[in-house]
Amino acid sequence: MSKTKKISSLIPKIFKSFSKDSKLLELKANWDDVVGKQYSSRCYIHSLRKINKKNILTIESNASDLLELSYSSESLKKKINAYFSKEFVDVIKFKKSLQM
């Protein structure tokens, strides 16, 4: 007979297996707080991929903001990595949004 376990003890185990996806969801959920209103109002997260052992975050924005955002990529990366207290993002790429 197995013991009944609390859901709160199972959730971390479930999310640990989806660590990259859960970190991405956490970043999306806290985007305003992580990068500030100055950036969050003009761009959003498109994807996070691992290529050659580097986490590459793709941020999507309209064409008029892409140049300024690209100049701010180091600042954005520092804010994101500071939020996670580790090197979470290695490279930020920018993509022109078709929806904004």
PDB file of N, CA and C in Angstrom:
ATOM      1  N   MET A   1       0.842  -1.185   0.000  1.00  0.00           N
ATOM      2  CA  MET A   1       0.000   0.000   0.000  1.00  0.00           C
ATOM      3  C   MET A   1       0.888   1.250   0.000  1.00  0.00           C
ATOM      4  N   SER A   2       0.636   2.146  -0.916  1.00  0.00           N
ATOM      5  CA  SER A   2       1.468   3.347  -1.010  1.00  0.00           C
ATOM      6  C   SER A   2       0.860   4.490  -0.212  1.00  0.00           C
ATOM      7  N   LYS A   3       1.737   5.343   0.247  1.00  0.00           N
ATOM      8  CA  LYS A   3       1.307   6.510   1.011  1.00  0.00           C
ATOM      9  C   LYS A   3       0.753   7.575   0.073  1.00  0.00           C
ATOM     10  N   THR A   4      -0.186   8.312   0.572  1.00  0.00           N
ATOM     11  CA  THR A   4      -0.709   9.443  -0.175  1.00  0.00           C
ATOM     12  C   THR A   4       0.287  10.590  -0.064  1.00  0.00           C
ATOM     13  N   LYS A   5       0.562  11.235  -1.190  1.00  0.00           N
ATOM     14  CA  LYS A   5       1.513  12.340  -1.197  1.00  0.00           C
ATOM     15  C   LYS A   5       0.785  13.644  -1.476  1.00  0.00           C
ATOM     16  N   LYS A   6       1.322  14.702  -0.915  1.00  0.00           N
ATOM     17  CA  LYS A   6       0.760  16.025  -1.163  1.00  0.00           C
ATOM     18  C   LYS A   6       1.132  16.479  -2.571  1.00  0.00           C
ATOM     19  N   ILE A   7       0.214  17.179  -3.186  1.00  0.00           N
ATOM     20  CA  ILE A   7       0.463  17.700  -4.528  1.00  0.00           C
ATOM     21  C   ILE A   7       1.658  18.652  -4.514  1.00  0.00           C
ATOM     22  N   SER A   8       1.777  19.434  -3.457  1.00  0.00           N
ATOM     23  CA  SER A   8       2.878  20.409  -3.379  1.00  0.00           C
ATOM     24  C   SER A   8       4.245  19.730  -3.409  1.00  0.00           C
ATOM     25  N   SER A   9       4.329  18.491  -2.996  1.00  0.00           N
ATOM     26  CA  SER A   9       5.610  17.784  -3.050  1.00  0.00           C
ATOM     27  C   SER A   9       5.858  17.176  -4.431  1.00  0.00           C
ATOM     28  N   LEU A  10       4.813  16.992  -5.214  1.00  0.00           N
ATOM     29  CA  LEU A  10       4.954  16.402  -6.544  1.00  0.00           C
ATOM     30  C   LEU A  10       5.226  17.433  -7.637  1.00  0.00           C
ATOM     31  N   ILE A  11       4.691  18.626  -7.473  1.00  0.00           N
ATOM     32  CA  ILE A  11       4.816  19.650  -8.515  1.00  0.00           C
ATOM     33  C   ILE A  11       6.266  19.964  -8.867  1.00  0.00           C
ATOM     34  N   PRO A  12       7.165  20.180  -7.894  1.00  0.00           N
ATOM     35  CA  PRO A  12       8.563  20.459  -8.268  1.00  0.00           C
ATOM     36  C   PRO A  12       9.201  19.327  -9.069  1.00  0.00           C
ATOM     37  N   LYS A  13       8.855  18.102  -8.761  1.00  0.00           N
ATOM     38  CA  LYS A  13       9.405  16.963  -9.511  1.00  0.00           C
ATOM     39  C   LYS A  13       8.910  16.969 -10.949  1.00  0.00           C
ATOM     40  N   ILE A  14       7.660  17.325 -11.129  1.00  0.00           N
ATOM     41  CA  ILE A  14       7.094  17.372 -12.479  1.00  0.00           C
ATOM     42  C   ILE A  14       7.752  18.485 -13.278  1.00  0.00           C
ATOM     43  N   PHE A  15       7.848  19.672 -12.664  1.00  0.00           N
ATOM     44  CA  PHE A  15       8.415  20.808 -13.381  1.00  0.00           C
ATOM     45  C   PHE A  15       9.907  20.682 -13.607  1.00  0.00           C
ATOM     46  N   LYS A  16      10.597  19.946 -12.782  1.00  0.00           N
ATOM     47  CA  LYS A  16      12.034  19.769 -12.969  1.00  0.00           C
ATOM     48  C   LYS A  16      12.325  19.102 -14.309  1.00  0.00           C
ATOM     49  N   SER A  17      11.458  18.191 -14.713  1.00  0.00           N
ATOM     50  CA  SER A  17      11.653  17.513 -15.993  1.00  0.00           C
ATOM     51  C   SER A  17      11.415  18.443 -17.173  1.00  0.00           C
ATOM     52  N   PHE A  18      10.702  19.506 -16.937  1.00  0.00           N
ATOM     53  CA  PHE A  18      10.455  20.493 -17.985  1.00  0.00           C
ATOM     54  C   PHE A  18      11.185  21.798 -17.678  1.00  0.00           C
ATOM     55  N   SER A  19      12.402  21.700 -17.151  1.00  0.00           N
ATOM     56  CA  SER A  19      13.085  22.881 -16.623  1.00  0.00           C
ATOM     57  C   SER A  19      13.223  24.006 -17.641  1.00  0.00           C
ATOM     58  N   LYS A  20      13.624  23.701 -18.861  1.00  0.00           N
ATOM     59  CA  LYS A  20      13.778  24.770 -19.850  1.00  0.00           C
ATOM     60  C   LYS A  20      12.425  25.405 -20.153  1.00  0.00           C
ATOM     61  N   ASP A  21      11.414  24.556 -20.364  1.00  0.00           N
ATOM     62  CA  ASP A  21      10.086  25.082 -20.660  1.00  0.00           C
ATOM     63  C   ASP A  21       9.513  25.849 -19.484  1.00  0.00           C
ATOM     64  N   SER A  22       9.734  25.359 -18.266  1.00  0.00           N
ATOM     65  CA  SER A  22       9.194  26.061 -17.104  1.00  0.00           C
ATOM     66  C   SER A  22       9.912  27.392 -16.905  1.00  0.00           C
ATOM     67  N   LYS A  23      11.206  27.442 -17.178  1.00  0.00           N
ATOM     68  CA  LYS A  23      11.945  28.707 -17.078  1.00  0.00           C
ATOM     69  C   LYS A  23      11.447  29.696 -18.121  1.00  0.00           C
ATOM     70  N   LEU A  24      11.156  29.195 -19.311  1.00  0.00           N
ATOM     71  CA  LEU A  24      10.627  30.062 -20.363  1.00  0.00           C
ATOM     72  C   LEU A  24       9.258  30.595 -19.966  1.00  0.00           C
ATOM     73  N   LEU A  25       8.407  29.728 -19.421  1.00  0.00           N
ATOM     74  CA  LEU A  25       7.087  30.163 -18.961  1.00  0.00           C
ATOM     75  C   LEU A  25       7.213  31.181 -17.834  1.00  0.00           C
ATOM     76  N   GLU A  26       8.148  30.939 -16.928  1.00  0.00           N
ATOM     77  CA  GLU A  26       8.380  31.876 -15.830  1.00  0.00           C
ATOM     78  C   GLU A  26       8.836  33.225 -16.366  1.00  0.00           C
ATOM     79  N   LEU A  27       9.723  33.210 -17.344  1.00  0.00           N
ATOM     80  CA  LEU A  27      10.213  34.453 -17.939  1.00  0.00           C
ATOM     81  C   LEU A  27       9.079  35.190 -18.642  1.00  0.00           C
ATOM     82  N   LYS A  28       8.258  34.459 -19.381  1.00  0.00           N
ATOM     83  CA  LYS A  28       7.123  35.091 -20.068  1.00  0.00           C
ATOM     84  C   LYS A  28       6.143  35.685 -19.068  1.00  0.00           C
ATOM     85  N   ALA A  29       5.881  34.960 -17.980  1.00  0.00           N
ATOM     86  CA  ALA A  29       4.922  35.428 -16.973  1.00  0.00           C
ATOM     87  C   ALA A  29       5.423  36.671 -16.245  1.00  0.00           C
ATOM     88  N   ASN A  30       6.730  36.808 -16.118  1.00  0.00           N
ATOM     89  CA  ASN A  30       7.317  37.930 -15.372  1.00  0.00           C
ATOM     90  C   ASN A  30       8.046  38.915 -16.277  1.00  0.00           C
ATOM     91  N   TRP A  31       7.752  38.905 -17.550  1.00  0.00           N
ATOM     92  CA  TRP A  31       8.457  39.710 -18.543  1.00  0.00           C
ATOM     93  C   TRP A  31       8.487  41.198 -18.163  1.00  0.00           C
ATOM     94  N   ASP A  32       7.346  41.749 -17.724  1.00  0.00           N
ATOM     95  CA  ASP A  32       7.291  43.166 -17.334  1.00  0.00           C
ATOM     96  C   ASP A  32       8.264  43.466 -16.202  1.00  0.00           C
ATOM     97  N   ASP A  33       8.284  42.605 -15.194  1.00  0.00           N
ATOM     98  CA  ASP A  33       9.146  42.825 -14.032  1.00  0.00           C
ATOM     99  C   ASP A  33      10.618  42.614 -14.358  1.00  0.00           C
ATOM    100  N   VAL A  34      10.908  41.666 -15.238  1.00  0.00           N
ATOM    101  CA  VAL A  34      12.301  41.332 -15.545  1.00  0.00           C
ATOM    102  C   VAL A  34      12.968  42.430 -16.362  1.00  0.00           C
ATOM    103  N   VAL A  35      12.348  42.843 -17.442  1.00  0.00           N
ATOM    104  CA  VAL A  35      12.994  43.815 -18.337  1.00  0.00           C
ATOM    105  C   VAL A  35      12.473  45.237 -18.182  1.00  0.00           C
ATOM    106  N   GLY A  36      11.387  45.414 -17.464  1.00  0.00           N
ATOM    107  CA  GLY A  36      10.827  46.747 -17.264  1.00  0.00           C
ATOM    108  C   GLY A  36       9.846  47.132 -18.368  1.00  0.00           C
ATOM    109  N   LYS A  37       9.003  48.093 -18.051  1.00  0.00           N
ATOM    110  CA  LYS A  37       7.953  48.537 -18.987  1.00  0.00           C
ATOM    111  C   LYS A  37       8.533  49.127 -20.271  1.00  0.00           C
ATOM    112  N   GLN A  38       9.710  49.750 -20.164  1.00  0.00           N
ATOM    113  CA  GLN A  38      10.336  50.367 -21.330  1.00  0.00           C
ATOM    114  C   GLN A  38      10.510  49.350 -22.462  1.00  0.00           C
ATOM    115  N   TYR A  39      10.902  48.135 -22.114  1.00  0.00           N
ATOM    116  CA  TYR A  39      11.124  47.100 -23.126  1.00  0.00           C
ATOM    117  C   TYR A  39       9.893  46.215 -23.316  1.00  0.00           C
ATOM    118  N   SER A  40       9.244  45.841 -22.224  1.00  0.00           N
ATOM    119  CA  SER A  40       8.153  44.864 -22.322  1.00  0.00           C
ATOM    120  C   SER A  40       6.975  45.367 -23.147  1.00  0.00           C
ATOM    121  N   SER A  41       6.806  46.668 -23.218  1.00  0.00           N
ATOM    122  CA  SER A  41       5.705  47.217 -24.007  1.00  0.00           C
ATOM    123  C   SER A  41       5.999  47.172 -25.509  1.00  0.00           C
ATOM    124  N   ARG A  42       7.261  46.956 -25.864  1.00  0.00           N
ATOM    125  CA  ARG A  42       7.642  46.991 -27.283  1.00  0.00           C
ATOM    126  C   ARG A  42       8.092  45.655 -27.847  1.00  0.00           C
ATOM    127  N   CYS A  43       8.243  44.646 -26.989  1.00  0.00           N
ATOM    128  CA  CYS A  43       8.710  43.361 -27.504  1.00  0.00           C
ATOM    129  C   CYS A  43       8.213  42.225 -26.620  1.00  0.00           C
ATOM    130  N   TYR A  44       8.256  41.030 -27.159  1.00  0.00           N
ATOM    131  CA  TYR A  44       7.867  39.863 -26.383  1.00  0.00           C
ATOM    132  C   TYR A  44       8.729  38.678 -26.787  1.00  0.00           C
ATOM    133  N   ILE A  45       8.688  37.655 -25.956  1.00  0.00           N
ATOM    134  CA  ILE A  45       9.513  36.473 -26.184  1.00  0.00           C
ATOM    135  C   ILE A  45       8.891  35.613 -27.267  1.00  0.00           C
ATOM    136  N   HIS A  46       9.696  35.263 -28.229  1.00  0.00           N
ATOM    137  CA  HIS A  46       9.233  34.385 -29.300  1.00  0.00           C
ATOM    138  C   HIS A  46       9.609  32.935 -29.009  1.00  0.00           C
ATOM    139  N   SER A  47      10.878  32.693 -28.661  1.00  0.00           N
ATOM    140  CA  SER A  47      11.305  31.317 -28.416  1.00  0.00           C
ATOM    141  C   SER A  47      12.611  31.282 -27.626  1.00  0.00           C
ATOM    142  N   LEU A  48      12.893  30.096 -27.087  1.00  0.00           N
ATOM    143  CA  LEU A  48      14.158  29.832 -26.418  1.00  0.00           C
ATOM    144  C   LEU A  48      14.640  28.487 -26.930  1.00  0.00           C
ATOM    145  N   ARG A  49      15.829  28.487 -27.514  1.00  0.00           N
ATOM    146  CA  ARG A  49      16.390  27.242 -28.061  1.00  0.00           C
ATOM    147  C   ARG A  49      17.812  27.073 -27.576  1.00  0.00           C
ATOM    148  N   LYS A  50      18.230  25.835 -27.530  1.00  0.00           N
ATOM    149  CA  LYS A  50      19.613  25.529 -27.165  1.00  0.00           C
ATOM    150  C   LYS A  50      20.319  25.069 -28.442  1.00  0.00           C
ATOM    151  N   ILE A  51      21.352  25.809 -28.824  1.00  0.00           N
ATOM    152  CA  ILE A  51      22.135  25.482 -30.016  1.00  0.00           C
ATOM    153  C   ILE A  51      23.603  25.529 -29.617  1.00  0.00           C
ATOM    154  N   ASN A  52      24.324  24.446 -29.863  1.00  0.00           N
ATOM    155  CA  ASN A  52      25.746  24.348 -29.500  1.00  0.00           C
ATOM    156  C   ASN A  52      25.993  24.722 -28.037  1.00  0.00           C
ATOM    157  N   LYS A  53      25.160  24.192 -27.170  1.00  0.00           N
ATOM    158  CA  LYS A  53      25.268  24.392 -25.715  1.00  0.00           C
ATOM    159  C   LYS A  53      25.054  25.840 -25.284  1.00  0.00           C
ATOM    160  N   LYS A  54      24.407  26.630 -26.125  1.00  0.00           N
ATOM    161  CA  LYS A  54      24.100  28.022 -25.787  1.00  0.00           C
ATOM    162  C   LYS A  54      22.595  28.227 -25.849  1.00  0.00           C
ATOM    163  N   ASN A  55      22.061  28.900 -24.826  1.00  0.00           N
ATOM    164  CA  ASN A  55      20.640  29.247 -24.816  1.00  0.00           C
ATOM    165  C   ASN A  55      20.445  30.521 -25.629  1.00  0.00           C
ATOM    166  N   ILE A  56      19.642  30.410 -26.671  1.00  0.00           N
ATOM    167  CA  ILE A  56      19.392  31.538 -27.558  1.00  0.00           C
ATOM    168  C   ILE A  56      17.943  31.964 -27.411  1.00  0.00           C
ATOM    169  N   LEU A  57      17.760  33.179 -26.925  1.00  0.00           N
ATOM    170  CA  LEU A  57      16.428  33.745 -26.739  1.00  0.00           C
ATOM    171  C   LEU A  57      16.111  34.605 -27.951  1.00  0.00           C
ATOM    172  N   THR A  58      14.965  34.347 -28.567  1.00  0.00           N
ATOM    173  CA  THR A  58      14.529  35.161 -29.703  1.00  0.00           C
ATOM    174  C   THR A  58      13.411  36.069 -29.219  1.00  0.00           C
ATOM    175  N   ILE A  59      13.608  37.353 -29.420  1.00  0.00           N
ATOM    176  CA  ILE A  59      12.639  38.367 -29.026  1.00  0.00           C
ATOM    177  C   ILE A  59      12.032  38.954 -30.289  1.00  0.00           C
ATOM    178  N   GLU A  60      10.720  39.120 -30.271  1.00  0.00           N
ATOM    179  CA  GLU A  60      10.004  39.622 -31.433  1.00  0.00           C
ATOM    180  C   GLU A  60       9.491  41.034 -31.154  1.00  0.00           C
ATOM    181  N   SER A  61       9.593  41.891 -32.163  1.00  0.00           N
ATOM    182  CA  SER A  61       9.131  43.269 -32.029  1.00  0.00           C
ATOM    183  C   SER A  61       8.810  43.821 -33.411  1.00  0.00           C
ATOM    184  N   ASN A  62       8.162  44.990 -33.432  1.00  0.00           N
ATOM    185  CA  ASN A  62       7.892  45.574 -34.742  1.00  0.00           C
ATOM    186  C   ASN A  62       9.171  46.179 -35.309  1.00  0.00           C
ATOM    187  N   ALA A  63       9.190  46.408 -36.582  1.00  0.00           N
ATOM    188  CA  ALA A  63      10.401  46.827 -37.286  1.00  0.00           C
ATOM    189  C   ALA A  63      10.975  48.136 -36.761  1.00  0.00           C
ATOM    190  N   SER A  64      10.124  49.055 -36.351  1.00  0.00           N
ATOM    191  CA  SER A  64      10.626  50.364 -35.916  1.00  0.00           C
ATOM    192  C   SER A  64      11.404  50.289 -34.599  1.00  0.00           C
ATOM    193  N   ASP A  65      11.166  49.271 -33.778  1.00  0.00           N
ATOM    194  CA  ASP A  65      11.866  49.143 -32.501  1.00  0.00           C
ATOM    195  C   ASP A  65      13.057  48.190 -32.549  1.00  0.00           C
ATOM    196  N   LEU A  66      13.203  47.432 -33.613  1.00  0.00           N
ATOM    197  CA  LEU A  66      14.238  46.405 -33.656  1.00  0.00           C
ATOM    198  C   LEU A  66      15.657  46.955 -33.516  1.00  0.00           C
ATOM    199  N   LEU A  67      15.962  48.031 -34.171  1.00  0.00           N
ATOM    200  CA  LEU A  67      17.321  48.575 -34.119  1.00  0.00           C
ATOM    201  C   LEU A  67      17.676  49.014 -32.699  1.00  0.00           C
ATOM    202  N   GLU A  68      16.788  49.776 -32.069  1.00  0.00           N
ATOM    203  CA  GLU A  68      17.050  50.232 -30.700  1.00  0.00           C
ATOM    204  C   GLU A  68      17.146  49.051 -29.735  1.00  0.00           C
ATOM    205  N   LEU A  69      16.280  48.076 -29.887  1.00  0.00           N
ATOM    206  CA  LEU A  69      16.319  46.899 -29.019  1.00  0.00           C
ATOM    207  C   LEU A  69      17.607  46.109 -29.214  1.00  0.00           C
ATOM    208  N   SER A  70      18.072  46.021 -30.444  1.00  0.00           N
ATOM    209  CA  SER A  70      19.307  45.272 -30.695  1.00  0.00           C
ATOM    210  C   SER A  70      20.495  45.947 -30.006  1.00  0.00           C
ATOM    211  N   TYR A  71      20.491  47.280 -29.935  1.00  0.00           N
ATOM    212  CA  TYR A  71      21.546  47.986 -29.206  1.00  0.00           C
ATOM    213  C   TYR A  71      21.453  47.734 -27.699  1.00  0.00           C
ATOM    214  N   SER A  72      20.276  47.378 -27.241  1.00  0.00           N
ATOM    215  CA  SER A  72      20.044  47.127 -25.807  1.00  0.00           C
ATOM    216  C   SER A  72      20.143  45.649 -25.453  1.00  0.00           C
ATOM    217  N   SER A  73      20.619  44.821 -26.363  1.00  0.00           N
ATOM    218  CA  SER A  73      20.614  43.374 -26.120  1.00  0.00           C
ATOM    219  C   SER A  73      21.451  42.976 -24.907  1.00  0.00           C
ATOM    220  N   GLU A  74      22.585  43.614 -24.690  1.00  0.00           N
ATOM    221  CA  GLU A  74      23.413  43.277 -23.522  1.00  0.00           C
ATOM    222  C   GLU A  74      22.694  43.635 -22.227  1.00  0.00           C
ATOM    223  N   SER A  75      22.031  44.768 -22.226  1.00  0.00           N
ATOM    224  CA  SER A  75      21.273  45.196 -21.049  1.00  0.00           C
ATOM    225  C   SER A  75      20.133  44.222 -20.765  1.00  0.00           C
ATOM    226  N   LEU A  76      19.420  43.821 -21.811  1.00  0.00           N
ATOM    227  CA  LEU A  76      18.330  42.855 -21.654  1.00  0.00           C
ATOM    228  C   LEU A  76      18.864  41.526 -21.125  1.00  0.00           C
ATOM    229  N   LYS A  77      19.973  41.076 -21.685  1.00  0.00           N
ATOM    230  CA  LYS A  77      20.569  39.810 -21.261  1.00  0.00           C
ATOM    231  C   LYS A  77      20.971  39.866 -19.793  1.00  0.00           C
ATOM    232  N   LYS A  78      21.565  40.971 -19.367  1.00  0.00           N
ATOM    233  CA  LYS A  78      21.965  41.123 -17.967  1.00  0.00           C
ATOM    234  C   LYS A  78      20.760  41.092 -17.040  1.00  0.00           C
ATOM    235  N   LYS A  79      19.679  41.739 -17.439  1.00  0.00           N
ATOM    236  CA  LYS A  79      18.463  41.759 -16.619  1.00  0.00           C
ATOM    237  C   LYS A  79      17.868  40.358 -16.492  1.00  0.00           C
ATOM    238  N   ILE A  80      17.826  39.637 -17.589  1.00  0.00           N
ATOM    239  CA  ILE A  80      17.267  38.281 -17.579  1.00  0.00           C
ATOM    240  C   ILE A  80      18.133  37.366 -16.727  1.00  0.00           C
ATOM    241  N   ASN A  81      19.441  37.419 -16.927  1.00  0.00           N
ATOM    242  CA  ASN A  81      20.350  36.562 -16.155  1.00  0.00           C
ATOM    243  C   ASN A  81      20.338  36.930 -14.675  1.00  0.00           C
ATOM    244  N   ALA A  82      20.191  38.210 -14.360  1.00  0.00           N
ATOM    245  CA  ALA A  82      20.103  38.628 -12.958  1.00  0.00           C
ATOM    246  C   ALA A  82      18.818  38.095 -12.323  1.00  0.00           C
ATOM    247  N   TYR A  83      17.746  38.067 -13.087  1.00  0.00           N
ATOM    248  CA  TYR A  83      16.480  37.543 -12.575  1.00  0.00           C
ATOM    249  C   TYR A  83      16.619  36.079 -12.167  1.00  0.00           C
ATOM    250  N   PHE A  84      17.322  35.292 -12.981  1.00  0.00           N
ATOM    251  CA  PHE A  84      17.504  33.864 -12.686  1.00  0.00           C
ATOM    252  C   PHE A  84      18.738  33.601 -11.827  1.00  0.00           C
ATOM    253  N   SER A  85      19.507  34.620 -11.526  1.00  0.00           N
ATOM    254  CA  SER A  85      20.734  34.505 -10.720  1.00  0.00           C
ATOM    255  C   SER A  85      21.728  33.515 -11.304  1.00  0.00           C
ATOM    256  N   LYS A  86      21.755  33.434 -12.618  1.00  0.00           N
ATOM    257  CA  LYS A  86      22.718  32.579 -13.315  1.00  0.00           C
ATOM    258  C   LYS A  86      22.724  32.957 -14.792  1.00  0.00           C
ATOM    259  N   GLU A  87      23.681  32.385 -15.522  1.00  0.00           N
ATOM    260  CA  GLU A  87      23.751  32.620 -16.967  1.00  0.00           C
ATOM    261  C   GLU A  87      22.667  31.767 -17.634  1.00  0.00           C
ATOM    262  N   PHE A  88      21.497  32.331 -17.759  1.00  0.00           N
ATOM    263  CA  PHE A  88      20.369  31.615 -18.353  1.00  0.00           C
ATOM    264  C   PHE A  88      20.329  31.822 -19.866  1.00  0.00           C
ATOM    265  N   VAL A  89      20.582  33.048 -20.300  1.00  0.00           N
ATOM    266  CA  VAL A  89      20.571  33.384 -21.721  1.00  0.00           C
ATOM    267  C   VAL A  89      21.992  33.730 -22.146  1.00  0.00           C
ATOM    268  N   ASP A  90      22.449  33.080 -23.222  1.00  0.00           N
ATOM    269  CA  ASP A  90      23.783  33.368 -23.759  1.00  0.00           C
ATOM    270  C   ASP A  90      23.735  34.377 -24.897  1.00  0.00           C
ATOM    271  N   VAL A  91      22.700  34.268 -25.731  1.00  0.00           N
ATOM    272  CA  VAL A  91      22.586  35.110 -26.921  1.00  0.00           C
ATOM    273  C   VAL A  91      21.131  35.547 -27.067  1.00  0.00           C
ATOM    274  N   ILE A  92      20.938  36.811 -27.446  1.00  0.00           N
ATOM    275  CA  ILE A  92      19.594  37.299 -27.762  1.00  0.00           C
ATOM    276  C   ILE A  92      19.557  37.630 -29.237  1.00  0.00           C
ATOM    277  N   LYS A  93      18.554  37.086 -29.918  1.00  0.00           N
ATOM    278  CA  LYS A  93      18.331  37.395 -31.324  1.00  0.00           C
ATOM    279  C   LYS A  93      17.004  38.122 -31.429  1.00  0.00           C
ATOM    280  N   PHE A  94      16.865  38.897 -32.481  1.00  0.00           N
ATOM    281  CA  PHE A  94      15.653  39.691 -32.677  1.00  0.00           C
ATOM    282  C   PHE A  94      14.991  39.300 -33.981  1.00  0.00           C
ATOM    283  N   LYS A  95      13.672  39.357 -33.955  1.00  0.00           N
ATOM    284  CA  LYS A  95      12.887  38.951 -35.107  1.00  0.00           C
ATOM    285  C   LYS A  95      11.781  39.987 -35.320  1.00  0.00           C
ATOM    286  N   LYS A  96      11.548  40.329 -36.568  1.00  0.00           N
ATOM    287  CA  LYS A  96      10.497  41.286 -36.916  1.00  0.00           C
ATOM    288  C   LYS A  96       9.138  40.613 -36.756  1.00  0.00           C
ATOM    289  N   SER A  97       8.273  41.281 -36.024  1.00  0.00           N
ATOM    290  CA  SER A  97       6.934  40.759 -35.787  1.00  0.00           C
ATOM    291  C   SER A  97       6.025  41.083 -36.975  1.00  0.00           C
ATOM    292  N   LEU A  98       5.193  40.136 -37.291  1.00  0.00           N
ATOM    293  CA  LEU A  98       4.211  40.378 -38.347  1.00  0.00           C
ATOM    294  C   LEU A  98       2.872  40.795 -37.752  1.00  0.00           C
ATOM    295  N   GLN A  99       2.749  40.669 -36.419  1.00  0.00           N
ATOM    296  CA  GLN A  99       1.476  40.925 -35.760  1.00  0.00           C
ATOM    297  C   GLN A  99       1.392  42.289 -35.101  1.00  0.00           C
ATOM    298  N   MET A 100       2.495  42.887 -34.738  1.00  0.00           N
ATOM    299  CA  MET A 100       2.464  44.129 -33.940  1.00  0.00           C
ATOM    300  C   MET A 100       2.144  45.325 -34.758  1.00  0.00           C
TER     301      MET A 100
END
